[in-house]
C-alpha cells in the first residue's frame, strides 16, 4: 500500500464551527474552503510500516500470529483514524507505537485536546472516492478527506500526521487498542520540516489517498 497526504492550514476568516457544518449540509463546503486563504501547506508520501504486510498475510492468507495489537481476530481495521501528532523525526519502516487508550485523541504522540484525531468513514467531510488506476495497472485508489474545525485540533506543535490501526475503528471512547500504521513528517514544498500552528481562527484540511497495487 502506498499513501499520500496533503494538508492545508486555512484562515477561518471569523467563521465558526457551525458555519462550516452548515456549508457541508448545504453542499457548498468545497466552494467555501477554496475561498479561504491558505497560510501553510504540506504534502508527501507517507511511510506505511511493515505491520501492514504482516496484517495482510495473517488475515488474507491465514498466516501465523503477529505483534499485538495487530493480531486481534475480529472487528479490527488497519485504517482506523488519522491523528495530528507531535513526533518530530522522519518515520522508519519498523516504527511501532502501541496505545492502550480509551479516547481517540489520547495516543502517545497526539497533540491532545478536542478533535486531535478523525476516524475513517464516520468523520470524513465527504464520501470516500474509490477508483481504479488510469494507466491500466491493477490497482485501487481510495481518497478520504477531513476538516478540523476552528475549535478542533488547536495546537502550536503539529509536526506529523499519522494513520492508526484500531481494534474497533468506529470507537471514539471505551477500551480500544490502537497502533500507528503509517506516518508523514510534515514538510513544505522545499522538503524542509515544518511545525503547523493551528489556532481557533483556522481550519485544517487533510486529504489522504492510498493505493493498493498488485505486484
N, C-alpha and C. Protein backbone atom coordinates (compact mmCIF):
# COMPACT_ATOMS: atom_id res chain seq x y z
N UNK A 1 0.83 -1.19 0.00
CA UNK A 1 0.00 0.00 0.00
C UNK A 1 0.87 1.24 0.00
N UNK A 2 0.56 2.17 -0.86
CA UNK A 2 1.22 3.47 -0.89
C UNK A 2 0.22 4.53 -0.46
N UNK A 3 0.70 5.55 0.24
CA UNK A 3 -0.21 6.59 0.70
C UNK A 3 0.38 7.97 0.48
N UNK A 4 -0.50 8.94 0.27
CA UNK A 4 -0.08 10.32 0.06
C UNK A 4 -1.01 11.25 0.82
N UNK A 5 -0.40 12.10 1.67
CA UNK A 5 -1.14 13.09 2.43
C UNK A 5 -0.96 14.47 1.80
N UNK A 6 -2.00 15.30 1.86
CA UNK A 6 -1.86 16.73 1.62
C UNK A 6 -2.61 17.46 2.72
N UNK A 7 -2.00 18.52 3.23
CA UNK A 7 -2.54 19.24 4.38
C UNK A 7 -2.52 20.73 4.08
N UNK A 8 -3.61 21.42 4.40
CA UNK A 8 -3.68 22.87 4.21
C UNK A 8 -4.23 23.53 5.46
N UNK A 9 -3.50 24.51 5.98
CA UNK A 9 -3.98 25.33 7.09
C UNK A 9 -4.58 26.59 6.49
N UNK A 10 -5.87 26.82 6.77
CA UNK A 10 -6.58 27.94 6.17
C UNK A 10 -7.12 28.89 7.23
N UNK A 11 -7.07 30.18 6.93
CA UNK A 11 -7.65 31.18 7.81
C UNK A 11 -9.16 31.03 7.80
N UNK A 12 -9.78 30.94 8.97
CA UNK A 12 -11.23 30.72 9.05
C UNK A 12 -12.02 31.99 8.80
N UNK A 13 -11.37 33.11 8.80
CA UNK A 13 -12.00 34.39 8.46
C UNK A 13 -13.19 34.70 9.37
N UNK A 14 -13.03 34.36 10.65
CA UNK A 14 -14.07 34.67 11.62
C UNK A 14 -15.24 33.70 11.63
N UNK A 15 -15.22 32.70 10.75
CA UNK A 15 -16.30 31.73 10.71
C UNK A 15 -16.20 30.75 11.88
N UNK A 16 -17.33 30.27 12.34
CA UNK A 16 -17.39 29.35 13.48
C UNK A 16 -17.59 27.91 13.01
N UNK A 17 -17.50 26.98 13.95
CA UNK A 17 -17.72 25.57 13.63
C UNK A 17 -19.02 25.38 12.88
N UNK A 18 -20.09 25.98 13.40
CA UNK A 18 -21.41 25.77 12.81
C UNK A 18 -21.50 26.30 11.39
N UNK A 19 -20.75 27.33 11.07
CA UNK A 19 -20.76 27.85 9.70
C UNK A 19 -20.24 26.80 8.72
N UNK A 20 -19.21 26.08 9.12
CA UNK A 20 -18.66 25.03 8.26
C UNK A 20 -19.59 23.83 8.20
N UNK A 21 -20.22 23.49 9.33
CA UNK A 21 -21.19 22.39 9.32
C UNK A 21 -22.37 22.72 8.41
N UNK A 22 -22.83 23.97 8.47
CA UNK A 22 -23.95 24.39 7.63
C UNK A 22 -23.56 24.32 6.15
N UNK A 23 -22.34 24.78 5.84
CA UNK A 23 -21.89 24.74 4.44
C UNK A 23 -21.84 23.31 3.93
N UNK A 24 -21.43 22.38 4.80
CA UNK A 24 -21.40 20.97 4.38
C UNK A 24 -22.81 20.45 4.14
N UNK A 25 -23.74 20.78 5.03
CA UNK A 25 -25.12 20.32 4.86
C UNK A 25 -25.73 20.85 3.56
N UNK A 26 -25.34 22.07 3.19
CA UNK A 26 -25.90 22.71 2.00
C UNK A 26 -25.12 22.38 0.74
N UNK A 27 -24.05 21.60 0.87
CA UNK A 27 -23.29 21.17 -0.30
C UNK A 27 -22.36 22.22 -0.87
N UNK A 28 -21.97 23.22 -0.07
CA UNK A 28 -21.12 24.30 -0.58
C UNK A 28 -19.80 24.39 0.18
N UNK A 29 -19.43 23.32 0.90
CA UNK A 29 -18.22 23.38 1.71
C UNK A 29 -16.97 23.55 0.86
N UNK A 30 -16.86 22.82 -0.24
CA UNK A 30 -15.68 22.94 -1.10
C UNK A 30 -15.51 24.37 -1.61
N UNK A 31 -16.60 24.98 -2.01
CA UNK A 31 -16.54 26.36 -2.50
C UNK A 31 -16.09 27.30 -1.40
N UNK A 32 -16.57 27.09 -0.19
CA UNK A 32 -16.17 27.92 0.95
C UNK A 32 -14.68 27.76 1.23
N UNK A 33 -14.19 26.52 1.23
CA UNK A 33 -12.78 26.28 1.52
C UNK A 33 -11.87 26.87 0.45
N UNK A 34 -12.29 26.80 -0.80
CA UNK A 34 -11.49 27.38 -1.88
C UNK A 34 -11.35 28.89 -1.73
N UNK A 35 -12.32 29.51 -1.09
CA UNK A 35 -12.33 30.97 -0.93
C UNK A 35 -11.50 31.44 0.26
N UNK A 36 -11.06 30.50 1.10
CA UNK A 36 -10.27 30.86 2.28
C UNK A 36 -8.78 30.86 1.95
N UNK A 37 -8.06 31.80 2.54
CA UNK A 37 -6.62 31.90 2.31
C UNK A 37 -5.88 30.72 2.93
N UNK A 38 -4.98 30.12 2.17
CA UNK A 38 -4.13 29.04 2.68
C UNK A 38 -2.86 29.65 3.25
N UNK A 39 -2.62 29.45 4.55
CA UNK A 39 -1.46 30.02 5.22
C UNK A 39 -0.28 29.05 5.28
N UNK A 40 -0.56 27.76 5.24
CA UNK A 40 0.51 26.76 5.32
C UNK A 40 0.07 25.53 4.54
N UNK A 41 1.03 24.91 3.87
CA UNK A 41 0.71 23.72 3.08
C UNK A 41 1.82 22.69 3.25
N UNK A 42 1.43 21.44 3.36
CA UNK A 42 2.40 20.34 3.43
C UNK A 42 1.81 19.15 2.68
N UNK A 43 2.69 18.37 2.05
CA UNK A 43 2.23 17.16 1.39
C UNK A 43 3.40 16.21 1.21
N UNK A 44 3.07 14.98 0.94
CA UNK A 44 4.11 13.99 0.69
C UNK A 44 3.60 12.58 0.88
N UNK A 45 4.39 11.63 0.41
CA UNK A 45 4.05 10.23 0.58
C UNK A 45 4.37 9.78 1.99
N UNK A 46 3.39 9.13 2.63
CA UNK A 46 3.67 8.63 3.98
C UNK A 46 4.45 7.32 3.88
N UNK A 47 5.03 6.92 4.98
CA UNK A 47 5.70 5.62 5.05
C UNK A 47 4.74 4.66 5.74
N UNK A 48 4.29 3.65 5.01
CA UNK A 48 3.43 2.60 5.58
C UNK A 48 4.35 1.56 6.21
N UNK A 49 4.10 1.23 7.46
CA UNK A 49 5.03 0.39 8.22
C UNK A 49 4.89 -1.09 7.87
N UNK A 50 5.89 -1.85 8.29
CA UNK A 50 5.93 -3.28 7.98
C UNK A 50 4.77 -4.05 8.59
N UNK A 51 4.07 -3.46 9.55
CA UNK A 51 2.95 -4.14 10.19
C UNK A 51 1.83 -4.43 9.20
N UNK A 52 1.71 -3.62 8.13
CA UNK A 52 0.66 -3.89 7.14
C UNK A 52 0.90 -5.22 6.44
N UNK A 53 2.14 -5.50 6.06
CA UNK A 53 2.44 -6.77 5.39
C UNK A 53 2.08 -7.95 6.27
N UNK A 54 2.45 -7.86 7.55
CA UNK A 54 2.14 -8.94 8.48
C UNK A 54 0.62 -9.06 8.68
N UNK A 55 -0.06 -7.93 8.76
CA UNK A 55 -1.50 -7.89 8.94
C UNK A 55 -2.21 -8.57 7.77
N UNK A 56 -1.83 -8.22 6.55
CA UNK A 56 -2.46 -8.80 5.37
C UNK A 56 -2.14 -10.29 5.24
N UNK A 57 -0.90 -10.66 5.55
CA UNK A 57 -0.51 -12.08 5.45
C UNK A 57 -1.33 -12.92 6.42
N UNK A 58 -1.57 -12.38 7.62
CA UNK A 58 -2.34 -13.14 8.61
C UNK A 58 -3.79 -13.29 8.19
N UNK A 59 -4.42 -12.19 7.75
CA UNK A 59 -5.87 -12.23 7.54
C UNK A 59 -6.29 -12.62 6.12
N UNK A 60 -5.41 -12.46 5.14
CA UNK A 60 -5.75 -12.87 3.79
C UNK A 60 -5.25 -14.26 3.45
N UNK A 61 -4.13 -14.66 4.09
CA UNK A 61 -3.51 -15.93 3.73
C UNK A 61 -3.36 -16.87 4.92
N UNK A 62 -4.09 -16.58 6.01
CA UNK A 62 -4.06 -17.44 7.20
C UNK A 62 -2.65 -17.61 7.74
N UNK A 63 -1.90 -16.52 7.75
CA UNK A 63 -0.54 -16.55 8.26
C UNK A 63 -0.49 -16.72 9.77
N UNK A 64 0.73 -16.80 10.33
CA UNK A 64 0.89 -17.02 11.77
C UNK A 64 0.55 -15.77 12.58
N UNK A 65 0.59 -15.96 13.89
CA UNK A 65 0.30 -14.86 14.81
C UNK A 65 1.29 -13.71 14.58
N UNK A 66 0.81 -12.49 14.81
CA UNK A 66 1.65 -11.31 14.63
C UNK A 66 1.63 -10.45 15.89
N UNK A 67 2.39 -9.36 15.85
CA UNK A 67 2.55 -8.49 17.01
C UNK A 67 1.23 -7.91 17.49
N UNK A 68 1.01 -7.96 18.78
CA UNK A 68 -0.14 -7.32 19.41
C UNK A 68 -0.02 -5.79 19.23
N UNK A 69 -1.08 -5.06 18.88
CA UNK A 69 -2.47 -5.49 18.82
C UNK A 69 -2.96 -5.83 17.41
N UNK A 70 -2.05 -5.98 16.45
CA UNK A 70 -2.47 -6.28 15.09
C UNK A 70 -3.05 -7.68 14.95
N UNK A 71 -2.98 -8.48 16.01
CA UNK A 71 -3.43 -9.88 15.95
C UNK A 71 -4.85 -10.07 16.46
N UNK A 72 -5.58 -8.98 16.70
CA UNK A 72 -6.97 -9.12 17.14
C UNK A 72 -7.76 -9.82 16.03
N UNK A 73 -8.57 -10.80 16.38
CA UNK A 73 -9.18 -11.66 15.36
C UNK A 73 -10.47 -11.13 14.75
N UNK A 74 -11.07 -10.11 15.32
CA UNK A 74 -12.31 -9.61 14.73
C UNK A 74 -12.50 -8.14 15.08
N UNK A 75 -13.21 -7.42 14.20
CA UNK A 75 -13.57 -6.03 14.48
C UNK A 75 -12.46 -5.04 14.29
N UNK A 76 -11.32 -5.45 13.73
CA UNK A 76 -10.18 -4.54 13.64
C UNK A 76 -10.16 -3.83 12.29
N UNK A 77 -9.38 -2.75 12.23
CA UNK A 77 -9.22 -2.03 10.97
C UNK A 77 -7.86 -1.39 10.89
N UNK A 78 -7.09 -1.72 9.84
CA UNK A 78 -5.77 -1.07 9.71
C UNK A 78 -5.96 0.42 9.46
N UNK A 79 -6.99 0.80 8.74
CA UNK A 79 -7.31 2.21 8.55
C UNK A 79 -8.32 2.60 9.61
N UNK A 80 -7.80 2.98 10.78
CA UNK A 80 -8.68 3.31 11.89
C UNK A 80 -8.97 4.79 11.99
N UNK A 81 -7.91 5.58 12.16
CA UNK A 81 -8.10 7.03 12.31
C UNK A 81 -6.84 7.78 11.87
N UNK A 82 -7.01 9.05 11.67
CA UNK A 82 -5.92 9.98 11.34
C UNK A 82 -5.66 10.85 12.56
N UNK A 83 -4.40 11.03 12.91
CA UNK A 83 -4.05 11.73 14.14
C UNK A 83 -3.04 12.85 13.90
N UNK A 84 -3.32 14.02 14.47
CA UNK A 84 -2.36 15.12 14.46
C UNK A 84 -1.37 14.88 15.59
N UNK A 85 -0.08 14.78 15.24
CA UNK A 85 0.90 14.37 16.24
C UNK A 85 2.06 15.32 16.41
N UNK A 86 2.85 15.06 17.44
CA UNK A 86 3.98 15.92 17.80
C UNK A 86 5.32 15.27 17.48
N UNK A 87 5.32 14.06 16.90
CA UNK A 87 6.57 13.36 16.61
C UNK A 87 7.37 14.14 15.58
N UNK A 88 8.64 14.42 15.91
CA UNK A 88 9.46 15.31 15.09
C UNK A 88 10.33 14.59 14.08
N UNK A 89 10.61 13.33 14.30
CA UNK A 89 11.55 12.60 13.45
C UNK A 89 10.87 12.12 12.17
N UNK A 90 11.70 11.79 11.17
CA UNK A 90 11.18 11.14 9.99
C UNK A 90 10.77 9.71 10.37
N UNK A 91 9.73 9.17 9.72
CA UNK A 91 9.28 7.81 10.08
C UNK A 91 10.28 6.75 9.63
N UNK A 92 10.25 5.61 10.31
CA UNK A 92 11.05 4.45 9.92
C UNK A 92 10.13 3.27 9.67
N UNK A 93 10.57 2.34 8.83
CA UNK A 93 9.73 1.25 8.36
C UNK A 93 9.23 0.36 9.49
N UNK A 94 10.04 0.20 10.54
CA UNK A 94 9.65 -0.69 11.64
C UNK A 94 9.14 0.08 12.85
N UNK A 95 8.78 1.32 12.66
CA UNK A 95 8.27 2.16 13.75
C UNK A 95 7.05 1.51 14.41
N UNK A 96 7.00 1.58 15.73
CA UNK A 96 5.90 0.93 16.45
C UNK A 96 5.49 1.77 17.65
N UNK A 97 4.21 2.06 17.72
CA UNK A 97 3.66 2.73 18.89
C UNK A 97 2.35 2.05 19.22
N UNK A 98 2.31 1.33 20.33
CA UNK A 98 1.13 0.61 20.77
C UNK A 98 0.46 1.40 21.89
N UNK A 99 -0.82 1.68 21.73
CA UNK A 99 -1.51 2.51 22.70
C UNK A 99 -2.76 1.81 23.23
N UNK A 100 -2.79 1.58 24.54
CA UNK A 100 -3.98 1.04 25.18
C UNK A 100 -4.73 2.23 25.76
N UNK A 101 -5.63 2.79 24.96
CA UNK A 101 -6.24 4.06 25.35
C UNK A 101 -7.75 3.96 25.30
N UNK A 102 -8.42 4.86 25.97
CA UNK A 102 -9.87 4.91 25.97
C UNK A 102 -10.39 5.96 24.99
N UNK A 103 -9.64 7.00 24.78
CA UNK A 103 -10.11 8.13 23.97
C UNK A 103 -9.34 8.19 22.66
N UNK A 104 -10.02 8.50 21.57
CA UNK A 104 -9.38 8.53 20.27
C UNK A 104 -8.32 9.62 20.17
N UNK A 105 -8.38 10.61 21.04
CA UNK A 105 -7.43 11.73 20.99
C UNK A 105 -6.24 11.55 21.93
N UNK A 106 -6.11 10.37 22.56
CA UNK A 106 -5.14 10.21 23.64
C UNK A 106 -3.93 9.37 23.28
N UNK A 107 -3.64 9.18 21.99
CA UNK A 107 -2.45 8.42 21.63
C UNK A 107 -1.20 9.12 22.15
N UNK A 108 -0.13 8.36 22.34
CA UNK A 108 1.06 8.89 23.00
C UNK A 108 1.70 10.04 22.24
N UNK A 109 1.57 10.08 20.91
CA UNK A 109 2.19 11.16 20.14
C UNK A 109 1.18 12.23 19.73
N UNK A 110 -0.04 12.16 20.27
CA UNK A 110 -1.09 13.08 19.86
C UNK A 110 -0.86 14.48 20.43
N UNK A 111 -1.39 15.49 19.73
CA UNK A 111 -1.35 16.85 20.26
C UNK A 111 -2.28 16.99 21.44
N UNK A 112 -3.23 16.04 21.60
CA UNK A 112 -4.18 16.08 22.70
C UNK A 112 -5.30 17.07 22.43
N UNK A 113 -6.21 17.17 23.38
CA UNK A 113 -7.30 18.13 23.25
C UNK A 113 -8.40 17.65 22.33
N UNK A 114 -9.34 18.54 22.06
CA UNK A 114 -10.52 18.19 21.28
C UNK A 114 -10.18 18.02 19.81
N UNK A 115 -10.62 16.90 19.26
CA UNK A 115 -10.51 16.70 17.82
C UNK A 115 -9.12 16.47 17.30
N UNK A 116 -8.22 15.92 18.12
CA UNK A 116 -6.87 15.64 17.62
C UNK A 116 -6.90 14.58 16.53
N UNK A 117 -7.86 13.65 16.62
CA UNK A 117 -7.95 12.55 15.67
C UNK A 117 -9.30 12.52 14.99
N UNK A 118 -9.32 11.98 13.77
CA UNK A 118 -10.54 11.81 12.99
C UNK A 118 -10.60 10.37 12.50
N UNK A 119 -11.78 9.78 12.53
CA UNK A 119 -11.95 8.41 12.05
C UNK A 119 -12.09 8.37 10.53
N UNK A 120 -11.65 7.27 9.95
CA UNK A 120 -12.01 6.98 8.58
C UNK A 120 -13.53 6.75 8.54
N UNK A 121 -14.13 7.04 7.44
CA UNK A 121 -15.56 6.86 7.14
C UNK A 121 -16.41 7.86 7.93
N UNK A 122 -16.57 7.67 9.25
CA UNK A 122 -17.54 8.46 10.01
C UNK A 122 -17.21 9.95 10.04
N UNK A 123 -15.93 10.31 10.14
CA UNK A 123 -15.57 11.71 10.33
C UNK A 123 -15.10 12.41 9.06
N UNK A 124 -15.19 11.74 7.93
CA UNK A 124 -14.77 12.36 6.68
C UNK A 124 -15.81 13.41 6.26
N UNK A 125 -15.34 14.44 5.53
CA UNK A 125 -16.26 15.51 5.15
C UNK A 125 -16.98 15.20 3.85
N UNK A 126 -16.62 14.11 3.20
CA UNK A 126 -17.35 13.65 2.02
C UNK A 126 -17.17 12.15 1.90
N UNK A 127 -18.05 11.52 1.15
CA UNK A 127 -17.92 10.08 0.94
C UNK A 127 -16.61 9.77 0.24
N UNK A 128 -15.90 8.76 0.74
CA UNK A 128 -14.61 8.42 0.16
C UNK A 128 -14.77 8.01 -1.30
N UNK A 129 -13.78 8.34 -2.10
CA UNK A 129 -13.78 8.01 -3.52
C UNK A 129 -12.90 6.80 -3.76
N UNK A 130 -13.44 5.80 -4.44
CA UNK A 130 -12.66 4.61 -4.79
C UNK A 130 -12.71 4.44 -6.30
N UNK A 131 -11.54 4.29 -6.91
CA UNK A 131 -11.50 4.08 -8.36
C UNK A 131 -10.27 3.26 -8.73
N UNK A 132 -10.23 2.78 -9.96
CA UNK A 132 -9.09 2.03 -10.45
C UNK A 132 -8.06 2.97 -11.04
N UNK A 133 -6.82 2.51 -11.14
CA UNK A 133 -5.77 3.29 -11.76
C UNK A 133 -6.11 3.61 -13.21
N UNK A 134 -5.72 4.82 -13.65
CA UNK A 134 -6.00 5.23 -15.03
C UNK A 134 -5.01 4.65 -16.04
N UNK A 135 -3.85 4.18 -15.57
CA UNK A 135 -2.82 3.72 -16.50
C UNK A 135 -2.93 2.25 -16.87
N UNK A 136 -3.99 1.59 -16.42
CA UNK A 136 -4.22 0.22 -16.81
C UNK A 136 -3.68 -0.83 -15.86
N UNK A 137 -2.81 -0.44 -14.92
CA UNK A 137 -2.30 -1.46 -13.99
C UNK A 137 -3.39 -1.84 -13.00
N UNK A 138 -3.25 -2.99 -12.39
CA UNK A 138 -4.24 -3.47 -11.44
C UNK A 138 -3.99 -2.81 -10.08
N UNK A 139 -4.77 -1.80 -9.79
CA UNK A 139 -4.61 -1.06 -8.54
C UNK A 139 -5.92 -0.36 -8.21
N UNK A 140 -6.15 -0.13 -6.94
CA UNK A 140 -7.32 0.59 -6.46
C UNK A 140 -6.85 1.80 -5.66
N UNK A 141 -7.42 2.97 -5.97
CA UNK A 141 -7.11 4.19 -5.23
C UNK A 141 -8.30 4.56 -4.37
N UNK A 142 -8.04 4.99 -3.15
CA UNK A 142 -9.11 5.43 -2.25
C UNK A 142 -8.73 6.78 -1.68
N UNK A 143 -9.61 7.77 -1.85
CA UNK A 143 -9.34 9.12 -1.34
C UNK A 143 -10.29 9.44 -0.20
N UNK A 144 -9.72 9.96 0.90
CA UNK A 144 -10.50 10.38 2.07
C UNK A 144 -10.11 11.80 2.44
N UNK A 145 -11.08 12.58 2.94
CA UNK A 145 -10.81 13.98 3.29
C UNK A 145 -11.43 14.30 4.65
N UNK A 146 -10.70 15.10 5.44
CA UNK A 146 -11.17 15.51 6.77
C UNK A 146 -10.97 17.02 6.94
N UNK A 147 -11.78 17.61 7.82
CA UNK A 147 -11.64 19.02 8.15
C UNK A 147 -11.66 19.19 9.66
N UNK A 148 -10.58 19.76 10.20
CA UNK A 148 -10.55 20.15 11.61
C UNK A 148 -11.14 21.55 11.72
N UNK A 149 -12.26 21.68 12.42
CA UNK A 149 -12.97 22.95 12.57
C UNK A 149 -12.19 23.90 13.48
N UNK A 150 -12.61 25.17 13.56
CA UNK A 150 -11.86 26.12 14.39
C UNK A 150 -11.61 25.65 15.82
N UNK A 151 -12.56 24.96 16.43
CA UNK A 151 -12.39 24.54 17.83
C UNK A 151 -11.62 23.24 17.97
N UNK A 152 -11.30 22.57 16.87
CA UNK A 152 -10.68 21.25 16.91
C UNK A 152 -9.19 21.31 16.55
N UNK A 153 -8.43 20.43 17.18
CA UNK A 153 -7.02 20.29 16.81
C UNK A 153 -6.18 21.52 17.06
N UNK A 154 -6.57 22.32 18.04
CA UNK A 154 -5.83 23.55 18.34
C UNK A 154 -4.49 23.20 18.99
N UNK A 155 -3.41 23.58 18.33
CA UNK A 155 -2.07 23.27 18.83
C UNK A 155 -1.04 24.09 18.07
N UNK A 156 0.03 24.46 18.75
CA UNK A 156 1.15 25.15 18.10
C UNK A 156 2.28 24.18 17.77
N UNK A 157 2.00 22.86 17.87
CA UNK A 157 3.07 21.88 17.77
C UNK A 157 2.68 20.69 16.90
N UNK A 158 2.03 20.92 15.77
CA UNK A 158 1.63 19.84 14.87
C UNK A 158 2.80 19.55 13.93
N UNK A 159 3.42 18.39 14.09
CA UNK A 159 4.62 18.04 13.32
C UNK A 159 4.42 16.83 12.41
N UNK A 160 3.51 15.95 12.76
CA UNK A 160 3.29 14.72 11.98
C UNK A 160 1.81 14.48 11.79
N UNK A 161 1.51 13.72 10.76
CA UNK A 161 0.16 13.21 10.55
C UNK A 161 0.29 11.69 10.48
N UNK A 162 -0.44 11.00 11.35
CA UNK A 162 -0.30 9.54 11.46
C UNK A 162 -1.61 8.84 11.16
N UNK A 163 -1.50 7.66 10.59
CA UNK A 163 -2.64 6.78 10.41
C UNK A 163 -2.55 5.68 11.44
N UNK A 164 -3.64 5.41 12.13
CA UNK A 164 -3.63 4.42 13.20
C UNK A 164 -4.53 3.23 12.91
N UNK A 165 -4.00 2.06 13.16
CA UNK A 165 -4.80 0.83 13.26
C UNK A 165 -5.65 0.94 14.52
N UNK A 166 -6.85 0.35 14.49
CA UNK A 166 -7.69 0.33 15.68
C UNK A 166 -8.38 -1.02 15.82
N UNK A 167 -8.42 -1.50 17.03
CA UNK A 167 -9.15 -2.75 17.28
C UNK A 167 -10.62 -2.57 16.94
N UNK A 168 -11.17 -1.40 17.25
CA UNK A 168 -12.54 -1.04 16.88
C UNK A 168 -12.46 0.31 16.19
N UNK A 169 -12.47 0.31 14.86
CA UNK A 169 -12.24 1.54 14.11
C UNK A 169 -13.37 2.54 14.23
N UNK A 170 -14.54 2.12 14.74
CA UNK A 170 -15.66 3.04 14.91
C UNK A 170 -15.61 3.79 16.23
N UNK A 171 -14.86 3.25 17.19
CA UNK A 171 -14.92 3.75 18.56
C UNK A 171 -14.22 5.10 18.72
N UNK A 172 -14.77 5.94 19.57
CA UNK A 172 -14.11 7.17 19.99
C UNK A 172 -13.76 7.11 21.48
N UNK A 173 -14.45 6.29 22.24
CA UNK A 173 -14.18 6.12 23.67
C UNK A 173 -14.41 4.65 24.03
N UNK A 174 -14.02 4.30 25.25
CA UNK A 174 -14.08 2.90 25.64
C UNK A 174 -12.77 2.23 25.30
N UNK A 175 -12.50 1.09 25.91
CA UNK A 175 -11.21 0.42 25.75
C UNK A 175 -11.00 -0.02 24.31
N UNK A 176 -10.04 0.58 23.66
CA UNK A 176 -9.72 0.25 22.27
C UNK A 176 -8.21 0.27 22.08
N UNK A 177 -7.65 -0.82 21.58
CA UNK A 177 -6.22 -0.86 21.30
C UNK A 177 -5.95 -0.19 19.95
N UNK A 178 -4.93 0.64 19.91
CA UNK A 178 -4.55 1.32 18.68
C UNK A 178 -3.04 1.19 18.50
N UNK A 179 -2.59 1.25 17.26
CA UNK A 179 -1.17 1.22 16.95
C UNK A 179 -0.93 1.99 15.66
N UNK A 180 0.16 2.72 15.62
CA UNK A 180 0.45 3.53 14.45
C UNK A 180 0.80 2.65 13.27
N UNK A 181 0.14 2.91 12.12
CA UNK A 181 0.34 2.08 10.96
C UNK A 181 1.05 2.76 9.81
N UNK A 182 1.09 4.11 9.84
CA UNK A 182 1.76 4.89 8.81
C UNK A 182 1.94 6.31 9.35
N UNK A 183 2.93 7.03 8.81
CA UNK A 183 3.14 8.40 9.31
C UNK A 183 3.83 9.25 8.25
N UNK A 184 3.50 10.53 8.28
CA UNK A 184 4.16 11.54 7.46
C UNK A 184 4.70 12.63 8.36
N UNK A 185 6.00 12.93 8.25
CA UNK A 185 6.56 14.12 8.90
C UNK A 185 6.23 15.30 7.99
N UNK A 186 5.50 16.27 8.51
CA UNK A 186 5.05 17.40 7.69
C UNK A 186 6.23 18.22 7.20
N UNK A 187 6.25 18.46 5.88
CA UNK A 187 7.33 19.24 5.26
C UNK A 187 6.74 20.18 4.22
N UNK A 188 7.45 21.29 3.98
CA UNK A 188 6.98 22.25 2.98
C UNK A 188 7.39 21.79 1.58
N UNK A 189 7.11 22.61 0.58
CA UNK A 189 7.38 22.22 -0.80
C UNK A 189 8.88 22.11 -1.08
N UNK A 190 9.70 22.73 -0.23
CA UNK A 190 11.15 22.62 -0.37
C UNK A 190 11.70 21.38 0.32
N UNK A 191 10.82 20.61 0.95
CA UNK A 191 11.25 19.40 1.64
C UNK A 191 11.77 19.63 3.04
N UNK A 192 11.54 20.81 3.60
CA UNK A 192 12.02 21.14 4.94
C UNK A 192 10.92 20.89 5.97
N UNK A 193 11.26 20.28 7.11
CA UNK A 193 10.26 20.03 8.16
C UNK A 193 9.62 21.32 8.64
N UNK A 194 8.32 21.27 8.88
CA UNK A 194 7.61 22.44 9.38
C UNK A 194 6.81 22.06 10.62
N UNK A 195 6.42 23.07 11.36
CA UNK A 195 5.53 22.91 12.51
C UNK A 195 4.30 23.77 12.23
N UNK A 196 3.14 23.15 12.22
CA UNK A 196 1.90 23.89 11.96
C UNK A 196 1.31 24.39 13.27
N UNK A 197 0.95 25.66 13.29
CA UNK A 197 0.33 26.28 14.45
C UNK A 197 -1.14 26.54 14.11
N UNK A 198 -2.00 25.64 14.57
CA UNK A 198 -3.43 25.82 14.32
C UNK A 198 -4.09 26.46 15.53
N UNK A 199 -4.71 27.60 15.31
CA UNK A 199 -5.45 28.28 16.37
C UNK A 199 -6.94 28.10 16.13
N UNK A 200 -7.76 28.71 17.01
CA UNK A 200 -9.21 28.64 16.81
C UNK A 200 -9.68 29.63 15.74
N UNK A 201 -8.72 30.23 15.06
CA UNK A 201 -9.04 31.10 13.92
C UNK A 201 -8.68 30.43 12.59
N UNK A 202 -8.42 29.12 12.65
CA UNK A 202 -8.04 28.37 11.46
C UNK A 202 -8.92 27.13 11.32
N UNK A 203 -8.94 26.60 10.09
CA UNK A 203 -9.39 25.24 9.84
C UNK A 203 -8.23 24.50 9.19
N UNK A 204 -8.20 23.19 9.39
CA UNK A 204 -7.13 22.37 8.81
C UNK A 204 -7.77 21.31 7.93
N UNK A 205 -7.42 21.32 6.66
CA UNK A 205 -7.97 20.39 5.69
C UNK A 205 -6.91 19.34 5.37
N UNK A 206 -7.26 18.08 5.46
CA UNK A 206 -6.33 16.99 5.15
C UNK A 206 -6.97 16.02 4.18
N UNK A 207 -6.17 15.57 3.23
CA UNK A 207 -6.61 14.57 2.27
C UNK A 207 -5.61 13.42 2.27
N UNK A 208 -6.14 12.20 2.22
CA UNK A 208 -5.28 11.02 2.19
C UNK A 208 -5.71 10.14 1.04
N UNK A 209 -4.79 9.85 0.15
CA UNK A 209 -5.04 8.95 -0.97
C UNK A 209 -4.13 7.75 -0.81
N UNK A 210 -4.70 6.56 -0.69
CA UNK A 210 -3.85 5.38 -0.62
C UNK A 210 -4.14 4.47 -1.81
N UNK A 211 -3.11 3.79 -2.23
CA UNK A 211 -3.19 2.93 -3.41
C UNK A 211 -2.87 1.49 -3.02
N UNK A 212 -3.75 0.59 -3.36
CA UNK A 212 -3.49 -0.84 -3.21
C UNK A 212 -3.18 -1.36 -4.59
N UNK A 213 -1.92 -1.71 -4.82
CA UNK A 213 -1.48 -2.10 -6.15
C UNK A 213 -1.08 -3.57 -6.18
N UNK A 214 -1.34 -4.21 -7.31
CA UNK A 214 -0.90 -5.59 -7.49
C UNK A 214 0.60 -5.61 -7.81
N UNK A 215 1.24 -6.72 -7.59
CA UNK A 215 2.68 -6.85 -7.89
C UNK A 215 2.91 -8.03 -8.82
